[in-house]
Structures are given as C-alpha cells and as structure tokens.
Protein backbone atom coordinates (compact mmCIF):
# COMPACT_ATOMS: atom_id res chain seq x y z
CA MET A 1 35.32 -43.05 64.39
CA ALA A 2 38.78 -42.18 63.24
CA LYS A 3 41.66 -43.13 65.52
CA ARG A 4 44.05 -40.53 64.18
CA CYS A 5 44.00 -37.25 62.34
CA GLU A 6 44.78 -37.37 58.64
CA VAL A 7 45.22 -33.89 57.26
CA TRP A 8 45.13 -33.07 53.59
CA VAL A 9 42.95 -31.12 51.22
CA ARG A 10 39.76 -31.75 53.12
CA SER A 11 40.84 -33.82 56.09
CA PHE A 12 41.75 -32.26 59.39
CA CYS A 13 39.25 -33.72 61.84
CA GLN A 14 37.24 -36.86 62.24
CA CYS A 15 35.88 -36.19 65.75
CA SER A 16 38.42 -38.44 67.42
CA GLY A 17 39.24 -37.77 71.04
CA LEU A 18 42.71 -39.07 70.25
CA CYS A 19 43.50 -36.29 67.78
CA ALA A 20 46.57 -34.32 68.74
CA CYS A 21 45.93 -30.67 69.45
CA MET A 22 49.19 -29.62 67.88
CA ALA A 23 47.89 -30.61 64.45
CA ALA A 24 45.68 -27.56 64.57
CA LEU A 25 44.09 -27.83 61.18
CA CYS A 26 43.82 -31.57 61.56
CA CYS A 27 41.89 -31.41 64.78
CA ALA A 28 39.61 -28.45 64.41
CA VAL A 29 37.39 -29.79 67.16
CA ALA A 30 40.21 -29.09 69.58
CA ALA A 31 39.21 -25.44 69.38
CA SER A 32 36.87 -24.02 71.99
CA ILE A 33 33.34 -25.20 71.26
CA PHE A 34 30.01 -25.41 72.98
CA ILE A 35 28.00 -28.57 73.05
CA TYR A 36 24.35 -28.29 72.19
CA VAL A 37 22.20 -30.92 73.85
CA ALA A 38 18.91 -31.80 72.13
CA GLY A 39 15.62 -32.07 73.99
CA ASP A 40 14.92 -35.04 76.17
CA GLY A 41 12.36 -36.44 73.77
CA ALA A 42 9.46 -35.65 76.10
CA GLY A 43 8.81 -32.21 74.67
CA ASN A 44 10.75 -30.39 77.35
CA GLY A 45 12.95 -28.55 74.88
CA PRO A 46 16.73 -28.35 74.69
CA ALA A 47 18.81 -28.80 77.79
CA PRO A 48 21.28 -26.12 78.88
CA ALA A 49 24.47 -25.90 76.86
CA ALA A 50 27.28 -28.07 78.15
CA VAL A 51 30.60 -26.67 79.32
CA ALA A 52 32.87 -25.79 76.40
CA TYR A 53 35.30 -28.53 75.47
CA LYS A 54 38.89 -27.40 75.87
CA CYS A 55 42.16 -28.94 74.82
CA THR A 56 45.47 -28.39 76.56
CA SER A 57 48.26 -27.71 74.11
CA ASP A 58 51.62 -25.97 74.11
CA LEU A 59 51.03 -24.84 70.52
CA TYR A 60 49.59 -21.34 70.29
CA PHE A 61 49.47 -19.33 67.09
CA GLY A 62 48.67 -16.00 68.73
CA ARG A 63 46.58 -13.57 66.76
CA VAL A 64 44.70 -14.38 63.57
CA LEU A 65 44.96 -11.52 61.12
CA LYS A 66 41.51 -10.50 59.87
CA PRO A 67 39.70 -13.69 60.92
CA GLU A 68 36.49 -12.31 59.41
CA GLN A 69 38.05 -12.95 56.00
CA LYS A 70 38.75 -16.61 56.66
CA GLY A 71 36.76 -19.71 57.46
CA LEU A 72 36.76 -23.47 57.96
CA ALA A 73 35.03 -26.08 55.86
CA ILE A 74 33.26 -28.74 57.91
CA ASP A 75 34.04 -32.34 57.05
CA ASP A 76 31.24 -34.82 56.51
CA THR A 77 31.94 -36.87 59.65
CA THR A 78 31.92 -33.90 61.99
CA PHE A 79 28.70 -32.62 60.44
CA HIS A 80 26.57 -35.73 60.56
CA GLU A 81 28.08 -37.62 63.53
CA CYS A 82 29.20 -34.93 65.96
CA GLY A 83 27.76 -31.58 64.99
CA HIS A 84 28.21 -30.38 68.56
CA ALA A 85 31.96 -30.42 67.82
CA ILE A 86 31.81 -27.85 65.03
CA PRO A 87 34.47 -25.34 66.08
CA ARG A 88 33.66 -21.81 67.13
CA MET A 89 37.25 -20.64 67.44
CA TRP A 90 40.26 -20.85 65.16
CA PRO A 91 42.28 -23.86 66.38
CA ASN A 92 45.05 -23.00 68.84
CA THR A 93 44.06 -19.33 68.94
CA GLN A 94 41.55 -17.15 70.74
CA ALA A 95 40.04 -15.78 67.52
CA PRO A 96 36.37 -16.55 66.81
CA LEU A 97 35.33 -18.24 63.59
CA THR A 98 33.02 -16.18 61.41
CA SER A 99 32.65 -18.35 58.28
CA LEU A 100 31.97 -22.01 57.56
CA ARG A 101 31.69 -24.02 54.37
CA LEU A 102 29.27 -26.93 54.24
CA PHE A 103 29.57 -29.30 51.28
CA LYS A 104 26.04 -30.66 51.48
CA ALA A 105 22.85 -30.42 53.49
CA TRP A 106 22.63 -34.18 54.06
CA ASP A 107 24.02 -37.21 52.26
CA LYS A 108 21.60 -39.90 51.13
CA ALA A 109 23.88 -42.53 52.71
CA TRP A 110 23.50 -40.99 56.17
CA PRO A 111 20.68 -42.11 58.49
CA ASP A 112 17.91 -39.58 58.02
CA GLY A 113 16.96 -39.93 61.66
CA GLY A 114 19.99 -37.87 62.66
CA ARG A 115 19.38 -35.00 60.26
CA VAL A 116 17.18 -32.81 62.46
CA GLU A 117 19.59 -33.02 65.38
CA ALA A 118 22.60 -32.29 63.17
CA TRP A 119 20.86 -29.28 61.66
CA SER A 120 19.88 -28.06 65.12
CA GLN A 121 23.46 -28.34 66.34
CA LEU A 122 24.71 -26.44 63.29
CA GLU A 123 22.07 -23.77 63.78
CA VAL A 124 23.09 -23.20 67.40
CA VAL A 125 26.78 -22.84 66.51
CA VAL A 126 26.06 -20.50 63.60
CA ARG A 127 23.53 -18.29 65.34
CA GLU A 128 25.39 -17.96 68.62
CA GLY A 129 28.66 -17.32 66.80
CA GLN A 130 27.04 -14.93 64.31
CA MET A 131 28.63 -16.94 61.50
CA GLN A 132 27.86 -17.16 57.82
CA VAL A 133 27.80 -20.44 55.91
CA LEU A 134 28.65 -21.20 52.29
CA VAL A 135 26.23 -24.06 51.56
CA GLY A 136 26.99 -26.51 48.77
CA THR A 137 24.60 -28.43 46.55
CA GLN A 138 25.64 -31.26 44.27
CA VAL A 139 25.54 -31.49 40.49
CA THR A 140 25.96 -35.01 39.12
CA CYS A 141 24.48 -36.95 36.25
CA ASP A 142 21.73 -38.28 38.52
CA GLU A 143 19.09 -35.59 38.21
CA GLN A 144 16.71 -37.24 40.66
CA ASP A 145 19.36 -37.30 43.36
CA ASP A 146 20.51 -33.78 42.53
CA ASP A 147 16.96 -32.55 43.06
CA ARG A 148 16.67 -34.51 46.30
CA ASP A 149 19.83 -32.83 47.53
CA TRP A 150 18.54 -29.41 46.52
CA ARG A 151 15.26 -29.88 48.39
CA LEU A 152 17.25 -30.48 51.57
CA VAL A 153 19.47 -27.47 50.89
CA LYS A 154 16.41 -25.24 50.63
CA GLN A 155 15.17 -26.56 53.95
CA LEU A 156 18.53 -26.09 55.65
CA VAL A 157 19.10 -22.51 54.52
CA GLN A 158 15.68 -21.59 55.89
CA VAL A 159 16.65 -23.14 59.21
CA LEU A 160 19.84 -21.07 59.26
CA GLY A 161 18.20 -17.86 58.07
CA ARG A 162 19.27 -15.57 55.24
CA GLN A 163 21.57 -13.52 57.47
CA HIS A 164 23.66 -16.63 58.10
CA VAL A 165 23.90 -17.83 54.50
CA MET A 166 26.97 -16.45 52.77
CA GLY A 167 26.15 -18.03 49.45
CA ILE A 168 25.12 -21.15 47.55
CA ALA A 169 27.81 -23.22 45.80
CA VAL A 170 26.30 -25.15 42.90
CA GLY A 171 28.66 -28.02 42.13
CA ASN A 172 32.26 -28.60 43.19
CA GLU A 173 35.22 -29.12 40.83
CA LEU A 174 33.05 -30.36 38.00
CA GLU A 175 35.90 -29.76 35.55
CA LEU A 176 37.47 -32.90 37.05
CA LEU A 177 34.38 -35.08 36.57
CA GLN A 178 35.79 -36.27 33.23
CA PHE A 179 38.73 -37.91 35.01
CA LYS A 180 36.74 -39.88 37.56
CA GLU A 181 36.17 -43.61 37.31
CA ASN A 182 32.74 -44.92 36.35
CA VAL A 183 31.70 -41.61 34.76
CA SER A 184 30.45 -42.20 31.24
CA THR A 185 31.15 -40.15 28.14
CA GLU A 186 27.42 -39.58 27.86
CA CYS A 187 27.41 -38.05 31.35
CA ILE A 188 30.22 -35.62 30.47
CA GLN A 189 28.56 -34.60 27.22
CA ARG A 190 25.25 -34.04 28.95
CA MET A 191 26.92 -32.02 31.73
CA TRP A 192 28.67 -29.54 29.45
CA LYS A 193 27.59 -29.61 25.81
CA GLY A 194 24.10 -30.69 26.77
CA GLY A 195 23.79 -27.76 29.17
CA TYR A 196 22.78 -29.75 32.25
CA PHE A 197 25.16 -27.86 34.57
CA LEU A 198 23.90 -24.47 33.38
CA ARG A 199 20.29 -25.60 33.57
CA LYS A 200 20.68 -26.71 37.17
CA LEU A 201 22.32 -23.42 38.10
CA SER A 202 19.42 -21.55 36.50
CA GLU A 203 16.85 -23.73 38.26
CA ARG A 204 18.53 -23.24 41.63
CA ALA A 205 18.60 -19.47 41.13
CA ALA A 206 14.91 -19.45 40.16
CA ASP A 207 14.00 -21.45 43.28
CA LEU A 208 15.92 -19.01 45.46
CA ASP A 209 14.05 -16.12 43.84
CA HIS A 210 10.84 -17.61 45.23
CA LEU A 211 12.31 -18.41 48.63
CA ASP A 212 11.50 -15.61 51.03
CA GLY A 213 14.59 -13.46 51.62
CA PHE A 214 16.93 -15.47 49.40
CA ASP A 215 16.46 -13.72 46.07
CA ASN A 216 19.77 -11.87 46.55
CA VAL A 217 21.96 -14.64 47.95
CA PRO A 218 25.35 -14.85 46.14
CA LEU A 219 25.90 -17.79 43.81
CA THR A 220 29.08 -19.62 42.91
CA SER A 221 30.48 -22.89 41.65
CA VAL A 222 33.80 -23.96 43.12
CA PHE A 223 36.49 -25.06 40.69
CA GLY A 224 40.04 -26.35 41.02
CA GLY A 225 43.34 -25.26 39.54
CA TYR A 226 42.76 -27.26 36.35
CA ILE A 227 40.52 -24.49 34.99
CA LEU A 228 43.56 -22.18 34.82
CA SER A 229 45.00 -24.25 31.96
CA GLY A 230 42.78 -22.44 29.44
CA SER A 231 42.77 -18.93 28.00
CA PRO A 232 41.49 -17.48 30.18
CA PHE A 233 39.77 -20.65 31.46
CA VAL A 234 39.70 -24.23 30.23
CA GLU A 235 37.29 -24.84 27.35
CA THR A 236 37.27 -28.45 26.16
CA PRO A 237 34.48 -30.94 25.47
CA GLY A 238 35.16 -32.43 28.90
CA ALA A 239 35.19 -29.12 30.76
CA MET A 240 33.49 -26.14 29.11
CA VAL A 241 34.26 -23.91 32.08
CA GLN A 242 34.71 -20.69 30.14
CA THR A 243 31.29 -21.03 28.52
CA PHE A 244 29.72 -21.88 31.85
CA LEU A 245 31.22 -18.84 33.60
CA ARG A 246 30.15 -16.47 30.82
CA GLU A 247 26.57 -17.74 31.00
CA ALA A 248 26.55 -17.66 34.81
CA LEU A 249 27.65 -14.02 34.77
CA LYS A 250 24.94 -13.15 32.24
CA MET A 251 22.30 -14.87 34.36
CA CYS A 252 23.31 -13.06 37.53
CA ALA A 253 23.43 -9.73 35.69
CA THR A 254 19.69 -10.01 35.07
CA SER A 255 18.86 -10.95 38.67
CA ARG A 256 19.64 -9.83 42.20
CA HIS A 257 22.17 -12.62 42.66
CA GLN A 258 25.87 -11.77 42.67
CA TRP A 259 28.18 -14.22 40.93
CA VAL A 260 31.32 -14.98 42.96
CA PHE A 261 34.35 -16.76 41.53
CA ALA A 262 35.60 -19.59 43.75
CA LEU A 263 38.77 -21.63 43.50
CA ASN A 264 40.30 -24.51 45.47
CA ILE A 265 44.10 -24.19 45.71
CA TYR A 266 46.43 -26.92 46.94
CA PRO A 267 50.19 -26.26 46.69
CA TYR A 268 50.59 -29.71 48.23
CA PHE A 269 49.52 -31.25 44.92
CA ALA A 270 51.27 -28.74 42.64
CA THR A 271 52.70 -30.43 39.56
CA ASN A 272 55.77 -28.18 39.60
CA ASN A 273 57.01 -29.52 42.95
CA VAL A 274 60.44 -31.11 42.40
CA LEU A 275 63.24 -32.61 44.47
CA ASP A 276 66.30 -30.53 45.24
CA PRO A 277 68.98 -30.84 42.53
CA GLY A 278 71.33 -33.74 43.12
CA THR A 279 69.13 -35.38 45.78
CA THR A 280 66.71 -38.28 45.84
CA ASP A 281 64.75 -37.43 49.00
CA GLN A 282 65.15 -33.69 49.71
CA CYS A 283 62.60 -31.01 48.76
CA THR A 284 63.65 -27.83 50.56
CA GLY A 285 62.97 -25.65 47.51
CA SER A 286 59.46 -26.96 46.92
CA LEU A 287 58.59 -26.62 50.60
CA GLN A 288 59.78 -23.05 50.66
CA SER A 289 57.63 -22.20 47.64
CA ASP A 290 54.57 -24.07 48.88
CA LEU A 291 54.58 -22.86 52.48
CA CYS A 292 55.36 -19.17 52.03
CA PHE A 293 53.03 -16.29 51.23
CA SER A 294 55.33 -13.63 49.81
CA LYS A 295 55.56 -12.60 46.17
CA GLY A 296 56.46 -15.53 43.93
CA CYS A 297 55.25 -18.21 46.32
CA ASN A 298 52.92 -20.92 45.04
CA LEU A 299 49.61 -19.93 46.56
CA PRO A 300 49.81 -16.14 46.10
CA SER A 301 50.99 -16.67 42.52
CA THR A 302 48.01 -18.91 41.80
CA ILE A 303 45.66 -16.33 43.26
CA GLN A 304 47.25 -13.61 41.16
CA LEU A 305 46.87 -15.74 38.03
CA MET A 306 43.23 -16.43 38.87
CA ARG A 307 42.52 -12.73 39.29
CA GLN A 308 44.18 -11.93 35.98
CA LYS A 309 42.01 -14.51 34.23
CA MET A 310 38.89 -13.23 35.97
CA SER A 311 39.66 -9.74 34.68
CA LEU A 312 40.12 -11.04 31.14
CA LEU A 313 36.74 -12.77 31.28
CA VAL A 314 34.79 -9.98 32.95
CA GLY A 315 36.62 -6.96 31.61
CA SER A 316 37.16 -5.41 35.04
CA THR A 317 38.91 -6.05 38.35
CA ASP A 318 35.79 -5.72 40.50
CA SER A 319 34.79 -9.38 40.76
CA LEU A 320 34.81 -11.11 44.13
CA LEU A 321 36.97 -14.20 44.66
CA TRP A 322 36.53 -16.84 47.33
CA ILE A 323 39.20 -19.45 48.04
CA GLY A 324 37.04 -22.51 48.60
CA GLU A 325 39.64 -24.85 50.06
CA THR A 326 43.30 -25.17 50.82
CA GLY A 327 45.31 -27.44 53.07
CA TRP A 328 48.25 -29.74 53.67
CA SER A 329 48.70 -33.40 54.51
CA SER A 330 50.42 -35.21 57.34
CA PRO A 331 50.81 -38.14 57.00
CA GLN A 332 51.34 -38.38 53.25
CA ALA A 333 48.13 -38.33 51.26
CA ALA A 334 47.32 -41.50 49.35
CA THR A 335 46.56 -39.37 46.29
CA LEU A 336 49.96 -37.64 46.26
CA THR A 337 51.98 -38.61 43.19
CA GLY A 338 55.30 -37.60 41.68
CA ALA A 339 58.61 -36.65 43.21
CA MET A 340 57.21 -35.48 46.55
CA THR A 341 56.35 -39.04 47.53
CA SER A 342 60.13 -39.58 47.94
CA CYS A 343 60.61 -36.62 50.30
CA PRO A 344 59.75 -37.46 53.95
CA ALA A 345 59.89 -33.80 55.00
CA PHE A 346 57.17 -32.82 52.53
CA SER A 347 54.33 -34.54 54.39
CA SER A 348 55.83 -34.17 57.86
CA THR A 349 54.03 -32.76 60.88
CA HIS A 350 56.62 -29.97 60.95
CA SER A 351 55.60 -28.84 57.46
CA LEU A 352 51.93 -29.01 58.38
CA ASN A 353 52.37 -26.90 61.50
CA ASN A 354 54.56 -24.42 59.64
CA LEU A 355 51.80 -23.92 57.07
CA ALA A 356 49.06 -23.70 59.70
CA GLU A 357 50.86 -21.04 61.69
CA GLN A 358 51.55 -18.90 58.65
CA ARG A 359 47.98 -19.12 57.41
CA ALA A 360 46.64 -18.03 60.77
CA ASP A 361 48.45 -14.74 60.23
CA LEU A 362 47.77 -14.35 56.53
CA LEU A 363 46.13 -11.17 55.26
CA THR A 364 43.71 -11.89 52.46
CA PRO A 365 42.06 -9.19 50.32
CA TRP A 366 38.66 -10.87 49.97
CA ARG A 367 35.87 -11.69 52.32
CA VAL A 368 36.31 -15.44 52.60
CA GLY A 369 40.00 -16.13 52.62
CA PHE A 370 41.03 -19.68 53.28
CA MET A 371 38.43 -22.34 53.77
CA VAL A 372 40.56 -25.07 55.28
CA SER A 373 38.40 -28.12 54.98
CA SER A 374 38.12 -31.76 55.87
CA SER A 375 36.53 -34.85 54.40
CA SER A 376 38.00 -38.32 54.52
CA SER A 377 35.97 -39.39 51.53
CA THR A 378 37.93 -37.22 49.10
C-alpha cells in the first residue's frame, strides 16, 4: 500500500489512508464514496452498504462545469485492491462522477480470487451512480495473453451492462511500443506492417457483434501526442497510425460501431517547456502555458491541432474526440526529462492544485472531457 500520493499522468491515488485531501487529483478516494461489502460467504448475500467515507479538507473547488463531459480513470491498485474506494464524486467538490476509464478487466499478475469481488464493487459504484465506463483491452505481441485479456473484458462488460459501457478501447499508445525496452523489431513489424493490430480490432468488433446488446458499442484506440508528428498522423514502419485509423474508420462504416478518436495529452511532458530566459531554475512561462486553458495555451492548442488532423483524415468536422488521459505530477515524475527537472516550482504541490482547480471548471465540447487517471506502474 502506498504511503504517499504520487500524482502524474496516471497516478493520483494508491488507496492510502495517509493521502492528503488537498491533492485532489492525487487522492481521488478522498471524494465521497460508498463501501460495498460482499456477502458473508454463507450465501446470505451482500451486507448493507457502509457509511460513506468522508475526508475533511479546507480545499473546495466549488462547482464542476459540465461534469457529465468529464471522468476519472481508475488506477490499477484502486481497482484490484480497494474497489470499494472507487470515487463517486469529483474530489473536493459536490459534483457526481458520471464517467470512468478502466485500463483492463483484470491483470494476469493479480490474484484471480479477488476478481469477482472487485467486479462486484465496480458494478455497485457504476450502477448506483448511473455511470458509464470506457473499458480497455490490451494489444501486445503475445496473442495468447491478448485473447485471455479479451475474454475477461467480455465477461466484465456483461456484468456492467450495455447501458454502462461507454466504449471499448483496443490498445493504448501503441505508437510508443517501438520505444519500449525488450520489444523486438519482429514484434513491431508484426504489429503494424503485419496487420496484427488491425486484425485484433476487427476480431474484437466481430465478437461484440455477437454479444447481446453490444453490437453498437463505440470503439476506439487511445494514442498519445506522438501521433501528431505526421501529416496528418504519424506513418512510419514503427507506427503506421494513419493507415490504422483509415482502416478502423472503414470497418466501423460497415457496422453499427462508431469510431471515436482518443488522445492522451500531458502538458507536463511537453517538449517545448523551457526555463525562463536568463535563469537556471525558473519556469514561469512554461507553467503559465501548461496550466491555462485560454487560446494559445498548451492543452487547448493540442486539442485544436488534433481536431484539425481528424478533419483532414475524415474530410469533415463531425468526428467525436475523447481525451483519454491528462494530469500533472507532484512530486517530480521519475520520467520527466529536460529543463523542467531544474525548476522546483514545476512539480510543486501549488502547480498541481492550480491545475486541478482550473480543470474542475473547464468547459469541454465533447462527451468525455478529461480522464484524469492513475497507475503507479506507468
């Protein structure tokens, strides 16, 4: 169990009772939640719900603008070790959560004995909160394990029910697979040029067509900012994203599935972040650009660029965009590189809270706005 909250990209809560409430996006479990207690093992069914856990804090964000357009991504530890702590409210507000992102149905490294209880706890939170869940399924070079993962995803979505499944995300940031250690050239070639990624997407769609009620569930694959380096999207032997998206759109056009574009955006890791001129440890300019949401700021500019590229690919402006993840880090993320490692203010709690408060009040023009997520393994 984590003894502190480390917030960045996908890390805001590790179910620690020591997490500080003021780090709202770090300690999502500090929001109002209800604890679901499983049956007593003697067939007597579930016990009554426990009293909602509450956290006393002097940090209050007030209203959340259009909370139905935003959601939280649930980190692995919360999901499989303390599913009862999945939040039902936006941290440090009184606004209910309406959307969740789940990266997997169950990891093969987790004890399978806890799966049914974790799924039950998730089901209670989702059904009682009338939430929708974006459910992820992996795509790796291990086809046997990919298919194992998919079998569990099919079981989980049936537990949740179609009305609570926002969509299925097939793969996550696969354009970056080429840069990971211990990934062979053969794996990358098979994934893209060999068509494995496209084949798995097609197989998943076909399975959903035969799953009662799921033949119209939206499909997506979540990518990162690297795909924006192409025209309109990156197209290299190590990341044939443009080809993949064209084929995915064609496939969905001949089915009842809607294709949704999805992008993870992290201004925290932006390569154009620089120190203030004439300083060695100040970054006021980069912080202003990364933490704001007006015209010209980092995140809105990235969204605008993504929409422009979507229009070039599709030929219209009608496509739906989901922001899969965004976030900040305090303390400094181990994966942060470049000039910002020399600026203490960049990864400070003050910067984190500033970002969190602004995002609570952010108006987003698509259904799932910001999926602020957590996972210590990334």
